[in-house]
Amino acid sequence: MPDFFAEQKKNRIKTWFLVLFFILFVGALGFGVDYYFSIREGGSVFAFPIFTAAALAIAVVHSFTAYFSGSKIVLSSLKARLADPSDLSEMTAIDVVKEMSLACGIPAPRVYIIPDDDPNAMATGRSPKHAYIGITKGLLDMMNREELQGVVAHEISHIRNYDTLVMTMVSALAGTIVLLSDWLRRTAFFTYDSGKRRKRRSRGGGGGGEAIVLLLILLISILAPIIARLLALAVSRTREYLADSSAVQLTRNPAGLASALRKIATWGGVIEVANQGTAHLFISDPLRRKLSEKEGLFADLFSTHPPIMKRIEILERMAHMRY
């Protein structure tokens, strides 16, 4: 049986490391700009690091914003709306979420509907008290109650284990790294080009040191989106297996979740409102990338989900056990 308290502690620690890495990384980007301008202007490297200070301030503010508002940002990007109790299928989803939350011993998350016909679901939130579950319209239309219970139990397990804390922070912070690196690249190009024109007018020489620093900045700006992508995979494939196992403990019905995953695998498609920053929040890869159905070290590094057929196979083996 998984040690849920240990999992919660591990994910809290992982979140703090993630935020610390983000702040240091953004600070390094700011320092790169300061160093570049220092070389370009022939000043001291130890002059007041205005870009470093600004970058660190932005990183700290954005970290707080991601922590307290990351879930709302994610739900807004998915165009999700609050479930309507007057709609029969949406009321069923609300009831199932309440049932699974009670079985799990956590407050019932608010239920949101994602306007997409492809079956999928996701969870987000910094804690069980501040959690949300998003369900696509397609999943509501396609699943029976047992299948819906399996999917919801899977998402509830992510919330209980604080997986959603890590996943939500990753979604919010990774996008910022990409934006800052793009700004850094554009700034470096602009200042380098203007510096060259000024030196030509003054018939000055040199510029070799500037060019080297520029190349380093460009390298960082190219690597930054890749690093952001790896950050988005901080929740490894094993988290999905654990959530599947935890869902079975809640429902005592592995066949329900297995059947739901099979329908998702058969009828699911690309969810248009999802992107690389939010893909890891879903029960199945909403971008339907081929890598998600492969195994091995490369797939483990760059895929957000384990192969769905492998998950179904494990659940079907569990169905033969007594619950």
C-alpha atoms as a PDB file:
ATOM      1  CA  MET A   1       0.000   0.000   0.000  1.00  0.00           C
ATOM      2  CA  PRO A   2       1.436   3.416  -0.907  1.00  0.00           C
ATOM      3  CA  ASP A   3       2.492   5.664   1.994  1.00  0.00           C
ATOM      4  CA  PHE A   4       0.380   8.700   1.128  1.00  0.00           C
ATOM      5  CA  PHE A   5       1.859  10.908   3.862  1.00  0.00           C
ATOM      6  CA  ALA A   6       5.354  10.190   2.531  1.00  0.00           C
ATOM      7  CA  GLU A   7       4.168  11.016  -0.990  1.00  0.00           C
ATOM      8  CA  GLN A   8       2.691  14.307   0.200  1.00  0.00           C
ATOM      9  CA  LYS A   9       5.917  15.272   1.978  1.00  0.00           C
ATOM     10  CA  LYS A  10       7.986  14.316  -1.069  1.00  0.00           C
ATOM     11  CA  ASN A  11       5.868  16.487  -3.361  1.00  0.00           C
ATOM     12  CA  ARG A  12       6.030  19.483  -1.015  1.00  0.00           C
ATOM     13  CA  ILE A  13       9.840  19.216  -0.991  1.00  0.00           C
ATOM     14  CA  LYS A  14       9.871  18.802  -4.776  1.00  0.00           C
ATOM     15  CA  THR A  15       7.789  21.964  -5.129  1.00  0.00           C
ATOM     16  CA  TRP A  16      10.223  24.031  -3.042  1.00  0.00           C
ATOM     17  CA  PHE A  17      13.158  22.748  -5.097  1.00  0.00           C
ATOM     18  CA  LEU A  18      11.233  23.565  -8.269  1.00  0.00           C
ATOM     19  CA  VAL A  19      10.560  27.143  -7.152  1.00  0.00           C
ATOM     20  CA  LEU A  20      14.179  27.589  -6.004  1.00  0.00           C
ATOM     21  CA  PHE A  21      15.469  26.320  -9.356  1.00  0.00           C
ATOM     22  CA  PHE A  22      13.095  28.651 -11.195  1.00  0.00           C
ATOM     23  CA  ILE A  23      14.240  31.702  -9.218  1.00  0.00           C
ATOM     24  CA  LEU A  24      17.928  30.849  -9.676  1.00  0.00           C
ATOM     25  CA  PHE A  25      17.462  30.142 -13.385  1.00  0.00           C
ATOM     26  CA  VAL A  26      15.643  33.412 -14.022  1.00  0.00           C
ATOM     27  CA  GLY A  27      18.275  35.219 -11.937  1.00  0.00           C
ATOM     28  CA  ALA A  28      20.963  33.663 -14.136  1.00  0.00           C
ATOM     29  CA  LEU A  29      19.196  34.987 -17.234  1.00  0.00           C
ATOM     30  CA  GLY A  30      19.169  38.464 -15.697  1.00  0.00           C
ATOM     31  CA  PHE A  31      22.845  38.197 -14.767  1.00  0.00           C
ATOM     32  CA  GLY A  32      23.632  37.225 -18.361  1.00  0.00           C
ATOM     33  CA  VAL A  33      22.061  40.472 -19.579  1.00  0.00           C
ATOM     34  CA  ASP A  34      23.915  42.508 -16.929  1.00  0.00           C
ATOM     35  CA  TYR A  35      27.214  40.889 -17.848  1.00  0.00           C
ATOM     36  CA  TYR A  36      26.604  41.492 -21.547  1.00  0.00           C
ATOM     37  CA  PHE A  37      25.881  45.192 -21.046  1.00  0.00           C
ATOM     38  CA  SER A  38      28.899  45.494 -18.747  1.00  0.00           C
ATOM     39  CA  ILE A  39      31.199  44.067 -21.440  1.00  0.00           C
ATOM     40  CA  ARG A  40      29.559  46.151 -24.164  1.00  0.00           C
ATOM     41  CA  GLU A  41      29.892  49.418 -22.276  1.00  0.00           C
ATOM     42  CA  GLY A  42      33.350  48.621 -20.927  1.00  0.00           C
ATOM     43  CA  GLY A  43      32.168  49.026 -17.354  1.00  0.00           C
ATOM     44  CA  SER A  44      32.652  46.945 -14.238  1.00  0.00           C
ATOM     45  CA  VAL A  45      31.042  43.531 -13.997  1.00  0.00           C
ATOM     46  CA  PHE A  46      30.338  44.355 -10.361  1.00  0.00           C
ATOM     47  CA  ALA A  47      28.259  47.450 -11.138  1.00  0.00           C
ATOM     48  CA  PHE A  48      24.716  47.352  -9.768  1.00  0.00           C
ATOM     49  CA  PRO A  49      23.086  44.320 -11.465  1.00  0.00           C
ATOM     50  CA  ILE A  50      19.839  45.982 -12.447  1.00  0.00           C
ATOM     51  CA  PHE A  51      18.654  43.201 -14.785  1.00  0.00           C
ATOM     52  CA  THR A  52      19.525  40.491 -12.254  1.00  0.00           C
ATOM     53  CA  ALA A  53      17.588  42.303  -9.533  1.00  0.00           C
ATOM     54  CA  ALA A  54      14.631  42.845 -11.855  1.00  0.00           C
ATOM     55  CA  ALA A  55      14.655  39.204 -13.003  1.00  0.00           C
ATOM     56  CA  LEU A  56      14.778  37.911  -9.417  1.00  0.00           C
ATOM     57  CA  ALA A  57      11.934  40.231  -8.417  1.00  0.00           C
ATOM     58  CA  ILE A  58       9.859  38.993 -11.358  1.00  0.00           C
ATOM     59  CA  ALA A  59      10.665  35.371 -10.475  1.00  0.00           C
ATOM     60  CA  VAL A  60       9.646  35.767  -6.829  1.00  0.00           C
ATOM     61  CA  VAL A  61       6.425  37.605  -7.698  1.00  0.00           C
ATOM     62  CA  HIS A  62       5.561  35.073 -10.396  1.00  0.00           C
ATOM     63  CA  SER A  63       6.241  32.164  -8.028  1.00  0.00           C
ATOM     64  CA  PHE A  64       3.742  33.585  -5.553  1.00  0.00           C
ATOM     65  CA  THR A  65       1.284  34.220  -8.378  1.00  0.00           C
ATOM     66  CA  ALA A  66       1.716  30.664  -9.644  1.00  0.00           C
ATOM     67  CA  TYR A  67       1.181  29.254  -6.157  1.00  0.00           C
ATOM     68  CA  PHE A  68      -1.958  31.225  -5.368  1.00  0.00           C
ATOM     69  CA  SER A  69      -3.450  31.693  -8.858  1.00  0.00           C
ATOM     70  CA  GLY A  70      -1.858  28.948 -10.985  1.00  0.00           C
ATOM     71  CA  SER A  71      -4.989  26.796 -10.993  1.00  0.00           C
ATOM     72  CA  LYS A  72      -7.190  29.622 -12.232  1.00  0.00           C
ATOM     73  CA  ILE A  73      -4.650  30.438 -14.935  1.00  0.00           C
ATOM     74  CA  VAL A  74      -4.661  26.798 -16.058  1.00  0.00           C
ATOM     75  CA  LEU A  75      -8.467  26.534 -16.060  1.00  0.00           C
ATOM     76  CA  SER A  76      -8.743  29.798 -17.963  1.00  0.00           C
ATOM     77  CA  SER A  77      -6.289  28.562 -20.611  1.00  0.00           C
ATOM     78  CA  LEU A  78      -8.452  25.454 -21.037  1.00  0.00           C
ATOM     79  CA  LYS A  79     -11.595  27.620 -21.380  1.00  0.00           C
ATOM     80  CA  ALA A  80     -13.134  25.596 -18.552  1.00  0.00           C
ATOM     81  CA  ARG A  81     -16.373  26.681 -16.878  1.00  0.00           C
ATOM     82  CA  LEU A  82     -17.925  25.722 -13.556  1.00  0.00           C
ATOM     83  CA  ALA A  83     -20.165  22.645 -13.768  1.00  0.00           C
ATOM     84  CA  ASP A  84     -23.886  23.412 -13.954  1.00  0.00           C
ATOM     85  CA  PRO A  85     -25.955  21.469 -11.350  1.00  0.00           C
ATOM     86  CA  SER A  86     -29.086  21.908 -13.492  1.00  0.00           C
ATOM     87  CA  ASP A  87     -27.495  19.758 -16.215  1.00  0.00           C
ATOM     88  CA  LEU A  88     -28.065  16.051 -15.453  1.00  0.00           C
ATOM     89  CA  SER A  89     -24.690  14.755 -16.678  1.00  0.00           C
ATOM     90  CA  GLU A  90     -22.789  17.576 -14.986  1.00  0.00           C
ATOM     91  CA  MET A  91     -24.706  17.016 -11.736  1.00  0.00           C
ATOM     92  CA  THR A  92     -23.697  13.351 -11.940  1.00  0.00           C
ATOM     93  CA  ALA A  93     -20.062  14.424 -12.199  1.00  0.00           C
ATOM     94  CA  ILE A  94     -20.453  16.679  -9.147  1.00  0.00           C
ATOM     95  CA  ASP A  95     -22.010  13.794  -7.175  1.00  0.00           C
ATOM     96  CA  VAL A  96     -19.245  11.365  -8.165  1.00  0.00           C
ATOM     97  CA  VAL A  97     -16.566  13.878  -7.160  1.00  0.00           C
ATOM     98  CA  LYS A  98     -18.250  14.254  -3.760  1.00  0.00           C
ATOM     99  CA  GLU A  99     -18.429  10.462  -3.331  1.00  0.00           C
ATOM    100  CA  MET A 100     -14.777   9.900  -4.179  1.00  0.00           C
ATOM    101  CA  SER A 101     -13.660  12.842  -2.037  1.00  0.00           C
ATOM    102  CA  LEU A 102     -15.554  11.434   0.935  1.00  0.00           C
ATOM    103  CA  ALA A 103     -13.963   8.022   0.385  1.00  0.00           C
ATOM    104  CA  CYS A 104     -10.546   9.683   0.172  1.00  0.00           C
ATOM    105  CA  GLY A 105     -11.079  11.910   3.200  1.00  0.00           C
ATOM    106  CA  ILE A 106     -10.482  15.268   1.504  1.00  0.00           C
ATOM    107  CA  PRO A 107     -12.756  18.254   0.752  1.00  0.00           C
ATOM    108  CA  ALA A 108     -14.660  17.913  -2.517  1.00  0.00           C
ATOM    109  CA  PRO A 109     -12.888  19.853  -5.307  1.00  0.00           C
ATOM    110  CA  ARG A 110     -14.915  22.179  -7.491  1.00  0.00           C
ATOM    111  CA  VAL A 111     -15.841  20.619 -10.823  1.00  0.00           C
ATOM    112  CA  TYR A 112     -15.169  22.379 -14.125  1.00  0.00           C
ATOM    113  CA  ILE A 113     -16.272  21.393 -17.619  1.00  0.00           C
ATOM    114  CA  ILE A 114     -13.777  21.657 -20.484  1.00  0.00           C
ATOM    115  CA  PRO A 115     -15.590  22.344 -23.790  1.00  0.00           C
ATOM    116  CA  ASP A 116     -14.104  19.539 -25.874  1.00  0.00           C
ATOM    117  CA  ASP A 117     -15.712  16.432 -27.361  1.00  0.00           C
ATOM    118  CA  ASP A 118     -12.665  14.227 -26.746  1.00  0.00           C
ATOM    119  CA  PRO A 119     -12.790  12.203 -23.499  1.00  0.00           C
ATOM    120  CA  ASN A 120     -10.236  13.322 -20.908  1.00  0.00           C
ATOM    121  CA  ALA A 121      -9.957  14.777 -17.401  1.00  0.00           C
ATOM    122  CA  MET A 122      -7.458  16.682 -15.285  1.00  0.00           C
ATOM    123  CA  ALA A 123      -6.845  18.025 -11.789  1.00  0.00           C
ATOM    124  CA  THR A 124      -5.122  21.133 -10.535  1.00  0.00           C
ATOM    125  CA  GLY A 125      -4.646  22.926  -7.220  1.00  0.00           C
ATOM    126  CA  ARG A 126      -2.077  23.718  -4.556  1.00  0.00           C
ATOM    127  CA  SER A 127      -3.730  21.582  -1.842  1.00  0.00           C
ATOM    128  CA  PRO A 128      -6.816  19.415  -1.244  1.00  0.00           C
ATOM    129  CA  LYS A 129      -8.574  22.518   0.135  1.00  0.00           C
ATOM    130  CA  HIS A 130      -7.787  24.495  -3.020  1.00  0.00           C
ATOM    131  CA  ALA A 131      -8.248  21.889  -5.749  1.00  0.00           C
ATOM    132  CA  TYR A 132     -10.233  21.658  -8.975  1.00  0.00           C
ATOM    133  CA  ILE A 133     -11.167  18.819 -11.292  1.00  0.00           C
ATOM    134  CA  GLY A 134     -11.727  19.463 -14.995  1.00  0.00           C
ATOM    135  CA  ILE A 135     -13.739  17.022 -17.094  1.00  0.00           C
ATOM    136  CA  THR A 136     -14.246  17.301 -20.833  1.00  0.00           C
ATOM    137  CA  LYS A 137     -17.755  17.300 -22.220  1.00  0.00           C
ATOM    138  CA  GLY A 138     -16.793  14.296 -24.318  1.00  0.00           C
ATOM    139  CA  LEU A 139     -15.865  12.245 -21.253  1.00  0.00           C
ATOM    140  CA  LEU A 140     -19.190  13.042 -19.568  1.00  0.00           C
ATOM    141  CA  ASP A 141     -21.096  11.955 -22.665  1.00  0.00           C
ATOM    142  CA  MET A 142     -19.089   8.762 -23.174  1.00  0.00           C
ATOM    143  CA  MET A 143     -18.575   7.242 -19.710  1.00  0.00           C
ATOM    144  CA  ASN A 144     -20.993   5.264 -17.569  1.00  0.00           C
ATOM    145  CA  ARG A 145     -21.018   5.876 -13.816  1.00  0.00           C
ATOM    146  CA  GLU A 146     -18.432   3.183 -12.945  1.00  0.00           C
ATOM    147  CA  GLU A 147     -16.023   4.502 -15.567  1.00  0.00           C
ATOM    148  CA  LEU A 148     -16.559   8.066 -14.388  1.00  0.00           C
ATOM    149  CA  GLN A 149     -15.863   6.951 -10.813  1.00  0.00           C
ATOM    150  CA  GLY A 150     -12.559   5.433 -11.921  1.00  0.00           C
ATOM    151  CA  VAL A 151     -11.464   8.596 -13.728  1.00  0.00           C
ATOM    152  CA  VAL A 152     -12.489  10.879 -10.858  1.00  0.00           C
ATOM    153  CA  ALA A 153     -10.804   8.606  -8.292  1.00  0.00           C
ATOM    154  CA  HIS A 154      -7.586   8.841 -10.329  1.00  0.00           C
ATOM    155  CA  GLU A 155      -7.721  12.651 -10.250  1.00  0.00           C
ATOM    156  CA  ILE A 156      -8.686  12.712  -6.558  1.00  0.00           C
ATOM    157  CA  SER A 157      -5.613  10.577  -5.851  1.00  0.00           C
ATOM    158  CA  HIS A 158      -3.391  13.164  -7.557  1.00  0.00           C
ATOM    159  CA  ILE A 159      -4.931  15.822  -5.317  1.00  0.00           C
ATOM    160  CA  ARG A 160      -4.482  13.802  -2.115  1.00  0.00           C
ATOM    161  CA  ASN A 161      -0.851  13.036  -2.952  1.00  0.00           C
ATOM    162  CA  TYR A 162      -0.139  16.726  -3.743  1.00  0.00           C
ATOM    163  CA  ASP A 163       0.844  15.786  -7.299  1.00  0.00           C
ATOM    164  CA  THR A 164      -1.333  18.691  -8.408  1.00  0.00           C
ATOM    165  CA  LEU A 165       0.775  21.145  -6.400  1.00  0.00           C
ATOM    166  CA  VAL A 166       3.878  20.206  -8.382  1.00  0.00           C
ATOM    167  CA  MET A 167       2.010  19.960 -11.680  1.00  0.00           C
ATOM    168  CA  THR A 168       0.290  23.331 -11.298  1.00  0.00           C
ATOM    169  CA  MET A 169       3.507  25.136 -10.346  1.00  0.00           C
ATOM    170  CA  VAL A 170       5.302  23.552 -13.303  1.00  0.00           C
ATOM    171  CA  SER A 171       2.575  24.690 -15.713  1.00  0.00           C
ATOM    172  CA  ALA A 172       2.756  28.277 -14.492  1.00  0.00           C
ATOM    173  CA  LEU A 173       6.535  28.616 -14.143  1.00  0.00           C
ATOM    174  CA  ALA A 174       7.683  26.808 -17.282  1.00  0.00           C
ATOM    175  CA  GLY A 175       5.826  29.233 -19.529  1.00  0.00           C
ATOM    176  CA  THR A 176       7.548  32.173 -17.864  1.00  0.00           C
ATOM    177  CA  ILE A 177      10.985  30.697 -18.564  1.00  0.00           C
ATOM    178  CA  VAL A 178      10.130  30.423 -22.264  1.00  0.00           C
ATOM    179  CA  LEU A 179       8.892  34.032 -22.411  1.00  0.00           C
ATOM    180  CA  LEU A 180      11.920  35.401 -20.556  1.00  0.00           C
ATOM    181  CA  SER A 181      14.366  33.488 -22.735  1.00  0.00           C
ATOM    182  CA  ASP A 182      12.680  34.859 -25.858  1.00  0.00           C
ATOM    183  CA  TRP A 183      12.930  38.394 -24.440  1.00  0.00           C
ATOM    184  CA  LEU A 184      16.594  37.784 -23.580  1.00  0.00           C
ATOM    185  CA  ARG A 185      17.388  36.646 -27.121  1.00  0.00           C
ATOM    186  CA  ARG A 186      15.671  39.644 -28.715  1.00  0.00           C
ATOM    187  CA  THR A 187      17.365  42.079 -26.313  1.00  0.00           C
ATOM    188  CA  ALA A 188      20.809  40.615 -26.985  1.00  0.00           C
ATOM    189  CA  PHE A 189      20.364  40.802 -30.765  1.00  0.00           C
ATOM    190  CA  PHE A 190      19.091  44.380 -30.647  1.00  0.00           C
ATOM    191  CA  THR A 191      21.833  45.711 -28.374  1.00  0.00           C
ATOM    192  CA  TYR A 192      24.587  43.828 -30.217  1.00  0.00           C
ATOM    193  CA  ASP A 193      23.426  45.183 -33.572  1.00  0.00           C
ATOM    194  CA  SER A 194      23.150  48.759 -32.273  1.00  0.00           C
ATOM    195  CA  GLY A 195      26.573  48.423 -30.628  1.00  0.00           C
ATOM    196  CA  LYS A 196      28.170  47.325 -33.912  1.00  0.00           C
ATOM    197  CA  ARG A 197      26.690  50.297 -35.765  1.00  0.00           C
ATOM    198  CA  ARG A 198      27.957  52.692 -33.123  1.00  0.00           C
ATOM    199  CA  LYS A 199      31.468  51.226 -33.281  1.00  0.00           C
ATOM    200  CA  ARG A 200      31.518  51.479 -37.061  1.00  0.00           C
ATOM    201  CA  ARG A 201      30.628  55.158 -36.828  1.00  0.00           C
ATOM    202  CA  SER A 202      33.385  55.740 -34.283  1.00  0.00           C
ATOM    203  CA  ARG A 203      35.744  53.380 -36.178  1.00  0.00           C
ATOM    204  CA  GLY A 204      36.349  51.448 -32.985  1.00  0.00           C
ATOM    205  CA  GLY A 205      37.751  47.938 -32.964  1.00  0.00           C
ATOM    206  CA  GLY A 206      37.275  44.895 -30.786  1.00  0.00           C
ATOM    207  CA  GLY A 207      33.898  43.385 -30.085  1.00  0.00           C
ATOM    208  CA  GLY A 208      35.249  39.846 -29.775  1.00  0.00           C
ATOM    209  CA  GLY A 209      34.357  39.603 -26.089  1.00  0.00           C
ATOM    210  CA  GLU A 210      30.914  40.948 -26.854  1.00  0.00           C
ATOM    211  CA  ALA A 211      30.350  38.314 -29.521  1.00  0.00           C
ATOM    212  CA  ILE A 212      31.355  35.493 -27.160  1.00  0.00           C
ATOM    213  CA  VAL A 213      28.978  36.706 -24.456  1.00  0.00           C
ATOM    214  CA  LEU A 214      26.244  37.094 -27.079  1.00  0.00           C
ATOM    215  CA  LEU A 215      26.751  33.487 -28.179  1.00  0.00           C
ATOM    216  CA  LEU A 216      26.500  32.313 -24.562  1.00  0.00           C
ATOM    217  CA  ILE A 217      23.277  34.269 -24.084  1.00  0.00           C
ATOM    218  CA  LEU A 218      21.847  32.813 -27.289  1.00  0.00           C
ATOM    219  CA  LEU A 219      22.791  29.319 -26.116  1.00  0.00           C
ATOM    220  CA  ILE A 220      21.000  29.888 -22.812  1.00  0.00           C
ATOM    221  CA  SER A 221      17.918  31.247 -24.578  1.00  0.00           C
ATOM    222  CA  ILE A 222      17.825  28.180 -26.854  1.00  0.00           C
ATOM    223  CA  LEU A 223      18.284  25.748 -23.970  1.00  0.00           C
ATOM    224  CA  ALA A 224      15.738  27.508 -21.751  1.00  0.00           C
ATOM    225  CA  PRO A 225      12.611  26.121 -23.505  1.00  0.00           C
ATOM    226  CA  ILE A 226      14.156  22.645 -23.370  1.00  0.00           C
ATOM    227  CA  ILE A 227      14.797  23.034 -19.649  1.00  0.00           C
ATOM    228  CA  ALA A 228      11.251  24.321 -19.226  1.00  0.00           C
ATOM    229  CA  ARG A 229      10.005  21.244 -21.047  1.00  0.00           C
ATOM    230  CA  LEU A 230      11.956  18.977 -18.691  1.00  0.00           C
ATOM    231  CA  LEU A 231      10.514  20.916 -15.759  1.00  0.00           C
ATOM    232  CA  ALA A 232       7.068  20.105 -17.098  1.00  0.00           C
ATOM    233  CA  LEU A 233       7.987  16.443 -16.688  1.00  0.00           C
ATOM    234  CA  ALA A 234       8.918  16.812 -13.011  1.00  0.00           C
ATOM    235  CA  VAL A 235       5.970  14.558 -12.289  1.00  0.00           C
ATOM    236  CA  SER A 236       7.255  11.324 -13.763  1.00  0.00           C
ATOM    237  CA  ARG A 237       5.302   8.554 -15.408  1.00  0.00           C
ATOM    238  CA  THR A 238       5.335   6.635 -12.124  1.00  0.00           C
ATOM    239  CA  ARG A 239       2.911   9.222 -10.676  1.00  0.00           C
ATOM    240  CA  GLU A 240       0.265   8.049 -13.140  1.00  0.00           C
ATOM    241  CA  TYR A 241       0.751   4.425 -12.130  1.00  0.00           C
ATOM    242  CA  LEU A 242       0.456   5.403  -8.458  1.00  0.00           C
ATOM    243  CA  ALA A 243      -2.724   7.389  -9.139  1.00  0.00           C
ATOM    244  CA  ASP A 244      -4.204   4.397 -11.007  1.00  0.00           C
ATOM    245  CA  SER A 245      -3.403   2.141  -8.050  1.00  0.00           C
ATOM    246  CA  SER A 246      -4.828   4.654  -5.575  1.00  0.00           C
ATOM    247  CA  ALA A 247      -8.003   4.961  -7.653  1.00  0.00           C
ATOM    248  CA  VAL A 248      -8.517   1.207  -7.422  1.00  0.00           C
ATOM    249  CA  GLN A 249      -8.163   1.408  -3.640  1.00  0.00           C
ATOM    250  CA  LEU A 250     -10.913   4.020  -3.561  1.00  0.00           C
ATOM    251  CA  THR A 251     -13.365   2.369  -5.957  1.00  0.00           C
ATOM    252  CA  ARG A 252     -12.460  -1.320  -5.440  1.00  0.00           C
ATOM    253  CA  ASN A 253     -13.208  -1.569  -9.144  1.00  0.00           C
ATOM    254  CA  PRO A 254     -10.137  -1.699 -11.411  1.00  0.00           C
ATOM    255  CA  ALA A 255     -12.335  -2.734 -14.339  1.00  0.00           C
ATOM    256  CA  GLY A 256     -14.114   0.633 -14.258  1.00  0.00           C
ATOM    257  CA  LEU A 257     -10.925   2.669 -14.710  1.00  0.00           C
ATOM    258  CA  ALA A 258      -9.555   0.153 -17.236  1.00  0.00           C
ATOM    259  CA  SER A 259     -12.721   0.493 -19.321  1.00  0.00           C
ATOM    260  CA  ALA A 260     -12.546   4.291 -19.120  1.00  0.00           C
ATOM    261  CA  LEU A 261      -8.917   4.323 -20.275  1.00  0.00           C
ATOM    262  CA  ARG A 262      -9.772   1.970 -23.130  1.00  0.00           C
ATOM    263  CA  LYS A 263     -12.498   4.345 -24.328  1.00  0.00           C
ATOM    264  CA  ILE A 264     -10.086   7.269 -24.055  1.00  0.00           C
ATOM    265  CA  ALA A 265      -7.478   5.327 -26.049  1.00  0.00           C
ATOM    266  CA  THR A 266     -10.027   4.342 -28.705  1.00  0.00           C
ATOM    267  CA  TRP A 267     -12.075   7.502 -29.079  1.00  0.00           C
ATOM    268  CA  GLY A 268      -9.830  10.222 -27.698  1.00  0.00           C
ATOM    269  CA  GLY A 269      -8.242  12.832 -29.921  1.00  0.00           C
ATOM    270  CA  VAL A 270      -6.236  16.034 -29.616  1.00  0.00           C
ATOM    271  CA  ILE A 271      -7.740  18.515 -27.167  1.00  0.00           C
ATOM    272  CA  GLU A 272      -7.372  21.844 -28.946  1.00  0.00           C
ATOM    273  CA  VAL A 273      -7.203  24.007 -25.824  1.00  0.00           C
ATOM    274  CA  ALA A 274      -4.425  21.903 -24.244  1.00  0.00           C
ATOM    275  CA  ASN A 275      -0.734  22.631 -24.772  1.00  0.00           C
ATOM    276  CA  GLN A 276       2.657  21.328 -23.679  1.00  0.00           C
ATOM    277  CA  GLY A 277       2.420  23.318 -20.465  1.00  0.00           C
ATOM    278  CA  THR A 278      -0.849  21.688 -19.381  1.00  0.00           C
ATOM    279  CA  ALA A 279      -0.598  18.232 -21.009  1.00  0.00           C
ATOM    280  CA  HIS A 280       0.840  16.562 -17.898  1.00  0.00           C
ATOM    281  CA  LEU A 281      -2.248  17.560 -15.881  1.00  0.00           C
ATOM    282  CA  PHE A 282      -4.520  15.177 -17.811  1.00  0.00           C
ATOM    283  CA  ILE A 283      -5.247  11.499 -17.190  1.00  0.00           C
ATOM    284  CA  SER A 284      -4.113  10.756 -20.757  1.00  0.00           C
ATOM    285  CA  ASP A 285      -1.895  12.780 -23.092  1.00  0.00           C
ATOM    286  CA  PRO A 286      -4.299  15.365 -24.603  1.00  0.00           C
ATOM    287  CA  LEU A 287      -1.884  16.042 -27.471  1.00  0.00           C
ATOM    288  CA  ARG A 288      -1.866  12.361 -28.537  1.00  0.00           C
ATOM    289  CA  ARG A 289       1.890  12.259 -29.102  1.00  0.00           C
ATOM    290  CA  LYS A 290       3.322   8.944 -30.266  1.00  0.00           C
ATOM    291  CA  LEU A 291       6.060   9.096 -27.631  1.00  0.00           C
ATOM    292  CA  SER A 292       3.439   8.650 -24.907  1.00  0.00           C
ATOM    293  CA  GLU A 293       2.829   5.112 -26.133  1.00  0.00           C
ATOM    294  CA  LYS A 294       6.494   4.100 -26.001  1.00  0.00           C
ATOM    295  CA  GLU A 295       8.665   2.784 -23.181  1.00  0.00           C
ATOM    296  CA  GLY A 296      12.340   3.248 -22.346  1.00  0.00           C
ATOM    297  CA  LEU A 297      14.691   5.926 -20.999  1.00  0.00           C
ATOM    298  CA  PHE A 298      14.048   8.439 -23.798  1.00  0.00           C
ATOM    299  CA  ALA A 299      10.280   8.116 -23.429  1.00  0.00           C
ATOM    300  CA  ASP A 300      10.562   8.425 -19.638  1.00  0.00           C
ATOM    301  CA  LEU A 301      12.497  11.687 -20.028  1.00  0.00           C
ATOM    302  CA  PHE A 302      10.298  13.364 -22.626  1.00  0.00           C
ATOM    303  CA  SER A 303       6.806  11.888 -22.271  1.00  0.00           C
ATOM    304  CA  THR A 304       4.186  13.075 -19.795  1.00  0.00           C
ATOM    305  CA  HIS A 305       2.293   9.787 -19.534  1.00  0.00           C
ATOM    306  CA  PRO A 306       3.042   6.056 -19.529  1.00  0.00           C
ATOM    307  CA  PRO A 307       1.599   3.970 -22.387  1.00  0.00           C
ATOM    308  CA  ILE A 308      -2.144   3.830 -21.867  1.00  0.00           C
ATOM    309  CA  MET A 309      -2.367   0.197 -23.005  1.00  0.00           C
ATOM    310  CA  LYS A 310       0.243  -0.727 -20.389  1.00  0.00           C
ATOM    311  CA  ARG A 311      -1.886   0.945 -17.729  1.00  0.00           C
ATOM    312  CA  ILE A 312      -4.964  -0.935 -18.936  1.00  0.00           C
ATOM    313  CA  GLU A 313      -3.036  -4.213 -18.815  1.00  0.00           C
ATOM    314  CA  ILE A 314      -2.008  -3.607 -15.194  1.00  0.00           C
ATOM    315  CA  LEU A 315      -5.557  -2.659 -14.190  1.00  0.00           C
ATOM    316  CA  GLU A 316      -7.010  -5.732 -15.869  1.00  0.00           C
ATOM    317  CA  ARG A 317      -4.584  -7.923 -13.930  1.00  0.00           C
ATOM    318  CA  MET A 318      -5.729  -6.197 -10.751  1.00  0.00           C
ATOM    319  CA  ALA A 319      -9.343  -6.944 -11.691  1.00  0.00           C
ATOM    320  CA  HIS A 320      -8.658 -10.632 -11.080  1.00  0.00           C
ATOM    321  CA  MET A 321      -7.694  -9.885  -7.485  1.00  0.00           C
ATOM    322  CA  ARG A 322     -10.266  -9.833  -4.703  1.00  0.00           C
ATOM    323  CA  TYR A 323     -11.384  -6.436  -3.421  1.00  0.00           C
END
